[in-house]
Every structure is written in structure tokens, then in C-alpha cells.
Amino acid sequence: MQDVFQYVDSHRDEMLSDLFTLVRQPGISTQGTGVVETAQMLVELMRRIGIETTVYETAGFPIIYGELKSPGATKTLLAYGHYDVQPPEPLELWNTPPFEPTIKDGRIWGRGTADNKGQLLAHIFAAKAFLQTRGAPPLNLKFLFEGEEEMNSPSLWPFVESHKGLLKTDAALTADGPSHPSGRQLINCGVKGMCYVEIKAKGANRDLHSMRGPMVYNPAWKLVHALATLKNRDEKILIQGFYDDVQPPTEAELAAVDAIPYNAEAIKRDLDVDELIGGDGSYYRNFVFGNSCNLAGLTSGYQGQGMKTVLPSRASCKIDFRLVPKQRPEEIVEKLRAHLEAGGFGDLEVEYLGGFYPSRTPVDHPYVQGVVRATRFVTGKEPVLSPNMAGSGPDYLFTGLLGLPSVWMPLSPHDSNNHAPNENIYLEGYFEGIKISAAIMEETAK
């Protein structure tokens, strides 16, 4: 691999310049700002490198498919990523302009440096390094990049389902998310699922003076009473049948989680909390295997400065449930509706806003172990292996629809501030990520 690594080291300025060009172009899918332009830039870059690239139009933003064939290769790797980014607000909290990449304190700062442009480019530049040093990568490569990940990837499922032949490969690789706080490379073998809903309560046809509180029902109280039935103080979710489909972790998965290093006291200090759910020893088991019923936002009545004695006519709550194999978001929604109906809250409206299926590849799968070897070879350290990350993503499309083993390999630091102001990636980590991707390609070819 020394020839490939030397190429990366000698072309750092060029690879940095291409990242800067992409970061300078906003591509905010939730606002529809600059996403098509970002796709065009990425397509031009891929074609310039020598990757045969096709743009597929969708009901939303374009899906980019690339292919690089290697003569005589028997293995094929699918690399996934997304070129859209989160909105940069609140702008006043940025230390540097969000769309003007800046190198400072050993990091590259800017929206998209970590999530996901800087990580996505690891696969592209690894392929380029093989092309320039050996004429071809050690295996066939397919690239799948979308522009809607930050809005739950609505166009990706139908695309994958209708292009299974095109996407036929041996394994899938994604570089996304923050890495482990220890500084060791993190390898995630899956993702949690998600079910996102909004529950709405309706009262009178208009806001009223609060003096009418003894006579007219307050929808905010109705909503509060309903929410109190969803989970008890021991953090158990009380929706009938919620846990019915949960797939218990294997012994290998439990062992992998118990081997993940962490410092409970440091976590509590960082978060300024006195205790963790389940006690200090349960942190990573909950992080990887635990469900959640999270109240993401509550809205009702007057929330401005000072007093306003109002009886609100509307109240709503947004909730995200994190799911584990083999739970399904659409089934959780129906169980939630049945739970509310049975509890006397059938008049509440439950709107399903989106979700992901949970997904997991066995930690002892040969492909996973190859990724472990490749990562160890580049970094010189034993990577942290986790059955899945606590966040969500479209991994089920690869494991479920395509039947592939899949790995999610974060290349950004644990404090990369994804989705927040001052997003960043380590300068050296950016180039190391390219080498890790190349080493995985070499190992998977075996």
C-alpha cells in the first residue's frame, strides 16, 4: 500500500482544494438551497478522476451513481455517501464563516467538512490513488451518493428497490458520523432505526382567556396526560407490544459493546449531569442496544417574554423513537395510535413524519473483520468495534433490500459538531481517512 499512501501524501493540496470547492457550495436539502449545484460539482469531480458517472433524477434531488471497473476483479464494493448538508443556523455561533472552509488549530472548519463531503471524498480519492499508481483499483467499485439524507432520504428507497441489479455488489461501505472519543477508529456494523411522529391536540376553535379554564378543556393538559402514559420513570416504554419484535443481541455483540472504552465520570462532567440512565455501567449497552422515546419538541400557548394569561387552542409534541432490530417504524406508529385510543386519547392526531429501519451486520462477519484489519494497518491501533451506532441512516437498504454486509466507518472526530455550528474535521484525519478507505478496498478484494 505504500505506493498508494505516497500518492495521497504528495497530492494533499489538490485533494484539499477539491474539498474546499465542495464545502464553499451550500447544498441544504431541507431548504432546497444549492443542492443541484452541489451534485453537478460532485459529478464533474468524479468524471475528471475517471469514474463513469450517471445522474438519476428523482422526485427530489439527484442520485449520483458511479462505477469503476477493475479488469479481472472478482469482488465489488459499494460506497455510499450524501452530498447535502444541514442548515448553518444559528450563524452567530460560528467562529468562522460556515461556507468558507478554514484551517485552524489542526482542523478544517466549515459546514459539510465532516457531514458528509469530507468523508464521502475518502472513497473517491482512494479510487483516484489506485488509478494513478496502479492503473485500476484492486476490485470493482460502485458509488451511490444522494442529496436528501438530511431529510430522511425519501428518494433513496424507491431508487435502490428499482435498481437492485445495478447495485449488485459484495459489500457496502459508508464513511459518516463522528468517531470514538478515545481517538481510536470506530467501526459501526449497523444503525438504529427511527420513527418520528407529531402528536397534535385540539381544543376550542381559538385561543381563550385563561379565566375560562374551569369550563373549557385545555389541549396542552390533554397532551401532557397522554405523553405521561408513553413511558414510566424507569424509562420503560409502555406502548402495548412495543418490544415484541426486538431481536436480542448475540454474545459476540454483547462482548463487542462491553469492550468499548468509556469514562462515565468524564461523560457526566461533559454533559453536566449527575447520573446516567441505568447507572454508569449501562452507558454503552443502552447506547447501542437501547430503545428510546424522546420528546424532541413541545409547543403550545404563549412562550414569549412576560405574562399572557391564555388558554391555548392547540398543542403538539414531536417525538422520535429509536428502534433496534427487528422493529419497524410503520408498526410502531400503529401501536402508538392503538395505545392512545385505548387510553382515552383517540381524538389526538398522530402524524408520521418519517423514519428508518434498523440494520445490523454481524460483528464477526468476514467483511467486518477485513475492515478491522485494514483500519489497524493504517492507524497502528486496534479499532473500536460496535454492533451499531446510536443514530439512524439508510443502512437497511444495503443489508435488507440488497442483502449486503455493511459497515459505517466515521472518519471525523467525536467533537466534529455535525448538525451544529463549527462543524469540523481533523486536517490529518481527512488524509488518513483516504488511506483507510484505500486499505479497506485492498482488504475486501481478498
Protein backbone atom coordinates (compact mmCIF):
# COMPACT_ATOMS: atom_id res chain seq x y z
CA MET A 1 0.00 0.00 0.00
CA GLN A 2 2.99 2.32 0.23
CA ASP A 3 2.62 3.46 -3.39
CA VAL A 4 -1.00 4.45 -2.79
CA PHE A 5 -0.20 6.15 0.52
CA GLN A 6 2.68 8.08 -1.01
CA TYR A 7 0.37 9.32 -3.76
CA VAL A 8 -2.05 10.64 -1.13
CA ASP A 9 0.79 12.35 0.74
CA SER A 10 2.17 14.01 -2.38
CA HIS A 11 -1.24 15.28 -3.60
CA ARG A 12 -2.58 16.74 -0.37
CA ASP A 13 -3.01 20.26 -1.75
CA GLU A 14 -5.05 19.02 -4.69
CA MET A 15 -7.33 16.87 -2.50
CA LEU A 16 -7.75 19.73 -0.06
CA SER A 17 -8.64 22.14 -2.84
CA ASP A 18 -11.39 19.83 -4.11
CA LEU A 19 -12.86 19.55 -0.61
CA PHE A 20 -12.81 23.33 -0.21
CA THR A 21 -14.60 23.78 -3.53
CA LEU A 22 -17.39 21.43 -2.43
CA VAL A 23 -17.73 23.00 1.02
CA ARG A 24 -18.00 26.50 -0.45
CA GLN A 25 -21.10 25.38 -2.36
CA PRO A 26 -24.07 25.23 0.03
CA GLY A 27 -26.33 22.24 -0.55
CA ILE A 28 -29.07 22.48 2.08
CA SER A 29 -31.69 19.87 1.20
CA THR A 30 -34.25 20.90 3.84
CA GLN A 31 -34.29 24.40 2.36
CA GLY A 32 -33.73 23.43 -1.27
CA THR A 33 -30.67 25.68 -1.46
CA GLY A 34 -27.83 24.84 -3.86
CA VAL A 35 -28.32 21.05 -3.80
CA VAL A 36 -28.45 20.57 -7.58
CA GLU A 37 -25.36 22.77 -7.98
CA THR A 38 -23.52 20.64 -5.40
CA ALA A 39 -24.48 17.48 -7.30
CA GLN A 40 -23.12 18.95 -10.52
CA MET A 41 -19.80 19.77 -8.85
CA LEU A 42 -19.50 16.24 -7.47
CA VAL A 43 -20.32 14.69 -10.86
CA GLU A 44 -17.67 16.83 -12.56
CA LEU A 45 -15.09 15.78 -9.98
CA MET A 46 -15.89 12.07 -10.36
CA ARG A 47 -15.75 12.20 -14.15
CA ARG A 48 -12.49 14.15 -14.06
CA ILE A 49 -10.95 11.40 -11.92
CA GLY A 50 -12.08 8.72 -14.35
CA ILE A 51 -15.20 7.33 -12.65
CA GLU A 52 -18.02 6.55 -15.09
CA THR A 53 -20.83 8.62 -13.60
CA THR A 54 -24.60 8.79 -14.20
CA VAL A 55 -27.10 11.21 -12.72
CA TYR A 56 -30.56 9.85 -11.91
CA GLU A 57 -33.33 12.40 -11.46
CA THR A 58 -35.81 11.72 -8.65
CA ALA A 59 -38.91 13.36 -7.24
CA GLY A 60 -36.45 15.23 -5.02
CA PHE A 61 -32.75 15.80 -5.58
CA PRO A 62 -30.48 13.86 -7.94
CA ILE A 63 -28.94 10.49 -7.08
CA ILE A 64 -25.39 10.09 -8.39
CA TYR A 65 -24.19 6.65 -9.45
CA GLY A 66 -20.57 5.98 -10.30
CA GLU A 67 -18.75 2.89 -11.46
CA LEU A 68 -15.09 1.98 -11.77
CA LYS A 69 -14.29 -1.46 -13.14
CA SER A 70 -11.07 -3.34 -12.47
CA PRO A 71 -10.00 -5.90 -15.10
CA GLY A 72 -10.08 -9.41 -13.69
CA ALA A 73 -11.51 -8.38 -10.31
CA THR A 74 -13.95 -10.78 -8.67
CA LYS A 75 -15.15 -8.55 -5.85
CA THR A 76 -17.23 -5.36 -5.92
CA LEU A 77 -17.59 -2.76 -3.18
CA LEU A 78 -20.44 -0.22 -2.96
CA ALA A 79 -19.53 3.14 -1.36
CA TYR A 80 -22.43 5.28 -0.12
CA GLY A 81 -22.49 8.92 0.96
CA HIS A 82 -24.55 12.10 0.82
CA TYR A 83 -23.67 15.50 -0.60
CA ASP A 84 -26.40 17.54 1.12
CA VAL A 85 -25.81 19.38 4.41
CA GLN A 86 -27.72 20.77 7.36
CA PRO A 87 -28.63 24.47 7.57
CA PRO A 88 -25.82 26.51 9.19
CA GLU A 89 -28.02 28.42 11.64
CA PRO A 90 -27.55 29.85 14.22
CA LEU A 91 -24.95 31.81 12.29
CA GLU A 92 -23.83 33.91 15.26
CA LEU A 93 -22.36 30.83 16.96
CA TRP A 94 -19.89 30.08 14.17
CA ASN A 95 -16.28 31.09 14.76
CA THR A 96 -15.61 31.07 11.00
CA PRO A 97 -17.95 31.55 8.02
CA PRO A 98 -19.82 28.22 7.60
CA PHE A 99 -19.31 28.01 3.83
CA GLU A 100 -15.77 29.33 3.77
CA PRO A 101 -13.57 26.38 4.81
CA THR A 102 -10.85 27.45 7.21
CA ILE A 103 -7.83 25.58 8.58
CA LYS A 104 -7.22 26.42 12.21
CA ASP A 105 -5.89 24.51 15.23
CA GLY A 106 -5.24 21.40 13.14
CA ARG A 107 -8.82 21.19 11.91
CA ILE A 108 -10.79 22.13 8.80
CA TRP A 109 -13.86 24.15 9.81
CA GLY A 110 -16.99 24.54 7.69
CA ARG A 111 -20.44 23.10 7.05
CA GLY A 112 -20.06 19.75 5.28
CA THR A 113 -16.40 19.19 6.15
CA ALA A 114 -17.44 16.20 8.29
CA ASP A 115 -21.05 15.55 7.32
CA ASN A 116 -20.57 14.32 4.71
CA LYS A 117 -18.44 15.88 1.98
CA GLY A 118 -15.08 15.34 3.67
CA GLN A 119 -15.88 11.72 4.43
CA LEU A 120 -17.51 10.99 1.09
CA LEU A 121 -14.38 12.15 -0.72
CA ALA A 122 -12.31 9.50 1.09
CA HIS A 123 -13.74 6.84 -1.23
CA ILE A 124 -13.34 8.94 -4.37
CA PHE A 125 -9.73 9.90 -3.66
CA ALA A 126 -8.84 6.34 -2.60
CA ALA A 127 -10.07 5.22 -6.02
CA LYS A 128 -8.08 8.01 -7.65
CA ALA A 129 -4.90 6.98 -5.82
CA PHE A 130 -5.25 3.42 -7.15
CA LEU A 131 -5.90 4.68 -10.68
CA GLN A 132 -2.84 6.91 -10.63
CA THR A 133 -0.46 4.37 -9.09
CA ARG A 134 -1.68 1.00 -10.42
CA GLY A 135 -4.00 1.85 -13.28
CA ALA A 136 -7.03 0.36 -11.53
CA PRO A 137 -8.36 -0.34 -8.03
CA PRO A 138 -7.96 -3.89 -6.65
CA LEU A 139 -11.70 -4.54 -7.01
CA ASN A 140 -14.71 -3.15 -8.86
CA LEU A 141 -16.15 -0.03 -7.25
CA LYS A 142 -19.66 1.38 -7.30
CA PHE A 143 -20.55 4.75 -5.80
CA LEU A 144 -24.01 5.82 -4.62
CA PHE A 145 -24.36 9.43 -3.49
CA GLU A 146 -27.64 11.16 -2.62
CA GLY A 147 -28.75 14.70 -1.82
CA GLU A 148 -31.59 14.00 0.63
CA GLU A 149 -30.01 12.24 3.61
CA GLU A 150 -30.59 15.24 5.87
CA MET A 151 -34.33 14.92 5.15
CA ASN A 152 -34.64 11.13 5.71
CA SER A 153 -33.65 10.01 2.18
CA PRO A 154 -37.19 9.83 0.71
CA SER A 155 -35.98 9.10 -2.85
CA LEU A 156 -33.32 6.53 -1.97
CA TRP A 157 -35.54 3.56 -1.04
CA PRO A 158 -37.50 3.55 -4.35
CA PHE A 159 -34.25 4.03 -6.27
CA VAL A 160 -32.49 1.10 -4.59
CA GLU A 161 -35.57 -1.09 -4.90
CA SER A 162 -35.82 -0.47 -8.63
CA HIS A 163 -32.06 -0.72 -9.30
CA LYS A 164 -31.06 -3.88 -7.41
CA GLY A 165 -29.26 -5.26 -10.45
CA LEU A 166 -27.28 -2.07 -10.94
CA LEU A 167 -26.26 -2.05 -7.28
CA LYS A 168 -25.34 -5.75 -7.05
CA THR A 169 -22.09 -5.92 -5.06
CA ASP A 170 -20.35 -7.94 -2.34
CA ALA A 171 -20.36 -5.36 0.47
CA ALA A 172 -21.25 -1.77 1.32
CA LEU A 173 -19.10 0.92 2.92
CA THR A 174 -20.19 4.27 4.37
CA ALA A 175 -17.96 6.92 5.93
CA ASP A 176 -20.28 9.01 8.10
CA GLY A 177 -20.75 10.14 11.67
CA PRO A 178 -18.37 11.10 14.49
CA SER A 179 -15.67 8.73 15.71
CA HIS A 180 -14.93 7.45 19.21
CA PRO A 181 -13.78 9.91 21.93
CA SER A 182 -10.68 7.77 22.60
CA GLY A 183 -9.26 8.77 19.22
CA ARG A 184 -9.29 5.17 18.03
CA GLN A 185 -11.01 4.44 14.76
CA LEU A 186 -14.67 3.44 15.21
CA ILE A 187 -16.30 0.72 13.10
CA ASN A 188 -20.10 0.53 13.26
CA CYS A 189 -21.81 -2.58 11.92
CA GLY A 190 -25.24 -1.01 11.62
CA VAL A 191 -27.62 1.73 12.68
CA LYS A 192 -30.64 2.17 14.89
CA GLY A 193 -33.98 2.70 13.25
CA MET A 194 -36.17 5.70 13.84
CA CYS A 195 -39.87 6.51 13.93
CA TYR A 196 -40.62 10.24 14.01
CA VAL A 197 -44.14 11.42 14.79
CA GLU A 198 -46.02 14.53 15.79
CA ILE A 199 -48.97 14.28 18.18
CA LYS A 200 -51.48 17.12 17.98
CA ALA A 201 -54.21 18.07 20.43
CA LYS A 202 -57.10 20.39 19.57
CA GLY A 203 -59.25 22.42 21.94
CA ALA A 204 -61.52 25.36 21.23
CA ASN A 205 -61.62 26.99 17.81
CA ARG A 206 -59.44 29.86 19.07
CA ASP A 207 -57.21 30.83 22.00
CA LEU A 208 -59.23 31.95 25.01
CA HIS A 209 -58.71 33.98 28.15
CA SER A 210 -57.41 31.67 30.86
CA MET A 211 -60.35 32.66 33.11
CA ARG A 212 -62.31 30.08 31.08
CA GLY A 213 -60.01 27.30 32.28
CA PRO A 214 -62.61 25.86 34.68
CA MET A 215 -65.10 25.44 31.81
CA VAL A 216 -63.12 24.64 28.64
CA TYR A 217 -60.63 21.78 28.26
CA ASN A 218 -57.02 22.83 27.71
CA PRO A 219 -55.45 20.76 24.87
CA ALA A 220 -51.99 21.23 26.40
CA TRP A 221 -53.12 19.32 29.50
CA LYS A 222 -54.70 16.64 27.36
CA LEU A 223 -51.40 16.24 25.53
CA VAL A 224 -49.39 16.16 28.77
CA HIS A 225 -51.64 13.45 30.21
CA ALA A 226 -51.28 11.41 27.03
CA LEU A 227 -47.49 11.75 26.95
CA ALA A 228 -47.27 10.61 30.57
CA THR A 229 -48.70 7.23 29.54
CA LEU A 230 -45.94 6.53 26.98
CA LYS A 231 -43.06 5.89 29.39
CA ASN A 232 -42.58 5.31 33.10
CA ARG A 233 -39.93 6.73 35.41
CA ASP A 234 -37.77 3.64 34.92
CA GLU A 235 -37.51 4.59 31.21
CA LYS A 236 -39.63 1.62 30.10
CA ILE A 237 -41.81 2.40 27.08
CA LEU A 238 -45.40 1.45 27.93
CA ILE A 239 -46.90 1.21 24.44
CA GLN A 240 -48.56 -2.20 24.14
CA GLY A 241 -46.38 -4.53 22.05
CA PHE A 242 -43.56 -2.02 21.62
CA TYR A 243 -40.85 -4.57 22.46
CA ASP A 244 -42.48 -7.60 20.77
CA ASP A 245 -40.18 -7.65 17.73
CA VAL A 246 -36.92 -6.71 19.43
CA GLN A 247 -34.09 -9.04 18.39
CA PRO A 248 -31.82 -9.75 21.38
CA PRO A 249 -28.09 -9.09 20.84
CA THR A 250 -25.79 -12.04 20.28
CA GLU A 251 -22.99 -13.00 22.65
CA ALA A 252 -20.46 -11.61 20.14
CA GLU A 253 -22.33 -8.30 20.01
CA LEU A 254 -22.55 -8.05 23.79
CA ALA A 255 -18.83 -8.78 24.06
CA ALA A 256 -18.03 -6.11 21.46
CA VAL A 257 -20.05 -3.49 23.32
CA ASP A 258 -18.56 -4.38 26.69
CA ALA A 259 -15.10 -3.87 25.18
CA ILE A 260 -15.82 -0.28 24.08
CA PRO A 261 -13.80 2.09 26.29
CA TYR A 262 -15.51 4.95 28.09
CA ASN A 263 -15.23 7.09 31.18
CA ALA A 264 -18.61 7.57 32.85
CA GLU A 265 -17.37 10.39 35.09
CA ALA A 266 -15.97 12.28 32.11
CA ILE A 267 -19.26 11.89 30.25
CA LYS A 268 -21.22 13.26 33.19
CA ARG A 269 -18.82 16.18 33.60
CA ASP A 270 -19.06 17.00 29.91
CA LEU A 271 -22.87 16.96 30.00
CA ASP A 272 -23.13 18.48 33.47
CA VAL A 273 -25.45 15.72 34.69
CA ASP A 274 -25.37 13.80 37.97
CA GLU A 275 -26.33 10.35 36.67
CA LEU A 276 -26.78 8.24 33.58
CA ILE A 277 -29.83 6.11 32.82
CA GLY A 278 -29.33 2.61 34.19
CA GLY A 279 -26.18 3.58 36.06
CA ASP A 280 -22.63 4.18 34.85
CA GLY A 281 -22.09 0.60 33.71
CA SER A 282 -25.06 0.63 31.32
CA TYR A 283 -23.95 3.54 29.15
CA TYR A 284 -22.78 1.72 26.02
CA ARG A 285 -25.28 -1.14 26.27
CA ASN A 286 -28.03 1.48 26.23
CA PHE A 287 -26.23 3.50 23.56
CA VAL A 288 -26.08 0.54 21.18
CA PHE A 289 -28.98 -1.72 22.13
CA GLY A 290 -31.45 0.58 23.90
CA ASN A 291 -34.76 1.93 22.62
CA SER A 292 -35.82 5.49 23.31
CA CYS A 293 -38.98 7.58 23.31
CA ASN A 294 -37.59 11.09 23.05
CA LEU A 295 -39.71 14.24 23.34
CA ALA A 296 -37.99 16.35 20.70
CA GLY A 297 -40.21 19.41 20.99
CA LEU A 298 -43.34 20.69 22.79
CA THR A 299 -45.42 23.59 21.51
CA SER A 300 -48.49 25.30 22.95
CA GLY A 301 -49.77 28.66 24.04
CA TYR A 302 -47.69 31.74 24.78
CA GLN A 303 -43.93 31.35 25.14
CA GLY A 304 -42.77 34.95 24.85
CA GLN A 305 -41.37 37.25 27.46
CA GLY A 306 -43.52 38.18 30.43
CA MET A 307 -47.10 37.09 31.15
CA LYS A 308 -50.04 36.26 28.94
CA THR A 309 -52.99 34.52 30.57
CA VAL A 310 -54.13 32.42 27.66
CA LEU A 311 -55.95 29.11 27.29
CA PRO A 312 -54.41 27.72 24.08
CA SER A 313 -56.49 26.13 21.36
CA ARG A 314 -53.70 23.88 20.07
CA ALA A 315 -50.87 21.80 21.50
CA SER A 316 -48.38 19.50 19.79
CA CYS A 317 -45.35 17.35 20.52
CA LYS A 318 -42.71 15.89 18.23
CA ILE A 319 -41.33 12.50 19.26
CA ASP A 320 -38.56 10.34 17.88
CA PHE A 321 -38.43 6.67 18.80
CA ARG A 322 -35.06 4.94 18.28
CA LEU A 323 -35.58 1.36 17.16
CA VAL A 324 -33.47 -1.78 17.20
CA PRO A 325 -33.60 -4.90 15.00
CA LYS A 326 -36.23 -6.02 14.03
CA GLN A 327 -38.65 -3.22 14.85
CA ARG A 328 -40.40 -1.36 12.02
CA PRO A 329 -41.36 2.34 12.18
CA GLU A 330 -44.74 1.94 10.49
CA GLU A 331 -45.70 -0.76 13.01
CA ILE A 332 -44.63 1.45 15.92
CA VAL A 333 -46.92 4.22 14.64
CA GLU A 334 -49.90 1.89 14.60
CA LYS A 335 -49.08 0.61 18.10
CA LEU A 336 -48.83 4.21 19.29
CA ARG A 337 -52.25 5.05 17.83
CA ALA A 338 -53.80 1.94 19.42
CA HIS A 339 -52.20 2.83 22.76
CA LEU A 340 -53.66 6.35 22.70
CA GLU A 341 -57.08 5.06 21.64
CA ALA A 342 -57.13 2.51 24.46
CA GLY A 343 -56.15 5.20 26.97
CA GLY A 344 -58.96 7.55 26.04
CA PHE A 345 -56.87 9.78 23.79
CA GLY A 346 -58.27 8.66 20.46
CA ASP A 347 -59.10 12.24 19.47
CA LEU A 348 -55.39 13.14 19.32
CA GLU A 349 -53.93 13.29 15.82
CA VAL A 350 -50.78 11.24 15.21
CA GLU A 351 -48.85 12.26 12.10
CA TYR A 352 -45.99 10.06 10.91
CA LEU A 353 -43.19 12.34 9.69
CA GLY A 354 -40.64 9.72 8.63
CA GLY A 355 -38.28 7.04 9.76
CA PHE A 356 -35.56 4.49 9.12
CA TYR A 357 -35.42 0.73 9.52
CA PRO A 358 -32.82 -0.58 11.98
CA SER A 359 -29.98 -2.56 10.44
CA ARG A 360 -27.08 -4.67 11.64
CA THR A 361 -24.27 -6.79 10.17
CA PRO A 362 -22.73 -9.45 12.47
CA VAL A 363 -19.55 -8.17 14.13
CA ASP A 364 -17.78 -11.44 13.27
CA HIS A 365 -18.66 -11.31 9.56
CA PRO A 366 -15.56 -11.81 7.34
CA TYR A 367 -16.08 -8.42 5.66
CA VAL A 368 -16.23 -6.67 9.04
CA GLN A 369 -13.09 -8.41 10.19
CA GLY A 370 -11.38 -7.31 6.96
CA VAL A 371 -12.31 -3.70 7.72
CA VAL A 372 -10.85 -4.16 11.20
CA ARG A 373 -7.55 -5.42 9.74
CA ALA A 374 -7.38 -2.60 7.19
CA THR A 375 -8.04 0.06 9.82
CA ARG A 376 -5.48 -1.42 12.20
CA PHE A 377 -2.92 -1.48 9.36
CA VAL A 378 -3.33 2.25 8.63
CA THR A 379 -3.70 3.63 12.16
CA GLY A 380 -1.48 1.21 14.07
CA LYS A 381 -4.22 0.94 16.72
CA GLU A 382 -6.95 -1.57 17.46
CA PRO A 383 -10.24 -0.02 16.26
CA VAL A 384 -13.35 0.21 18.41
CA LEU A 385 -15.94 -2.23 17.06
CA SER A 386 -19.63 -1.55 17.70
CA PRO A 387 -22.66 -3.61 16.56
CA ASN A 388 -24.37 -0.40 15.50
CA MET A 389 -24.26 3.32 16.05
CA ALA A 390 -26.92 5.05 18.13
CA GLY A 391 -28.02 7.25 15.23
CA SER A 392 -30.02 6.35 12.15
CA GLY A 393 -29.40 6.13 8.43
CA PRO A 394 -30.42 4.22 5.30
CA ASP A 395 -28.28 1.14 6.06
CA TYR A 396 -31.27 -1.21 5.76
CA LEU A 397 -31.34 -0.52 2.04
CA PHE A 398 -27.97 -2.27 1.78
CA THR A 399 -28.46 -5.07 4.31
CA GLY A 400 -32.20 -5.61 3.81
CA LEU A 401 -33.00 -4.79 0.19
CA LEU A 402 -29.62 -5.71 -1.31
CA GLY A 403 -28.61 -8.38 1.21
CA LEU A 404 -25.09 -6.98 1.73
CA PRO A 405 -22.80 -6.87 4.73
CA SER A 406 -22.38 -3.20 5.53
CA VAL A 407 -20.04 -1.08 7.65
CA TRP A 408 -20.36 2.56 8.75
CA MET A 409 -16.91 3.96 9.40
CA PRO A 410 -16.75 7.51 10.84
CA LEU A 411 -13.70 9.49 9.74
CA SER A 412 -14.43 12.72 11.62
CA PRO A 413 -13.56 13.46 15.28
CA HIS A 414 -16.04 12.74 18.07
CA ASP A 415 -16.50 16.51 18.52
CA SER A 416 -16.95 17.28 14.83
CA ASN A 417 -20.19 19.18 15.64
CA ASN A 418 -22.27 17.56 12.92
CA HIS A 419 -25.58 19.47 12.54
CA ALA A 420 -24.26 22.24 14.80
CA PRO A 421 -22.19 25.42 14.43
CA ASN A 422 -18.42 25.00 13.98
CA GLU A 423 -18.57 21.66 12.15
CA ASN A 424 -15.06 20.35 11.54
CA ILE A 425 -12.77 17.50 10.62
CA TYR A 426 -9.13 16.95 11.56
CA LEU A 427 -6.77 18.05 8.79
CA GLU A 428 -4.62 14.93 9.18
CA GLY A 429 -7.73 12.83 9.74
CA TYR A 430 -9.01 13.86 6.31
CA PHE A 431 -5.97 12.33 4.62
CA GLU A 432 -5.84 9.34 6.95
CA GLY A 433 -9.46 8.63 6.00
CA ILE A 434 -8.47 8.36 2.34
CA LYS A 435 -5.78 5.85 3.27
CA ILE A 436 -8.21 3.84 5.41
CA SER A 437 -10.70 3.69 2.56
CA ALA A 438 -7.96 2.51 0.19
CA ALA A 439 -6.83 -0.15 2.66
CA ILE A 440 -10.41 -1.42 3.01
CA MET A 441 -10.64 -1.70 -0.77
CA GLU A 442 -7.40 -3.70 -0.84
CA GLU A 443 -8.52 -5.97 2.02
CA THR A 444 -12.01 -6.53 0.59
CA ALA A 445 -10.52 -7.54 -2.75
CA LYS A 446 -9.01 -10.54 -0.99
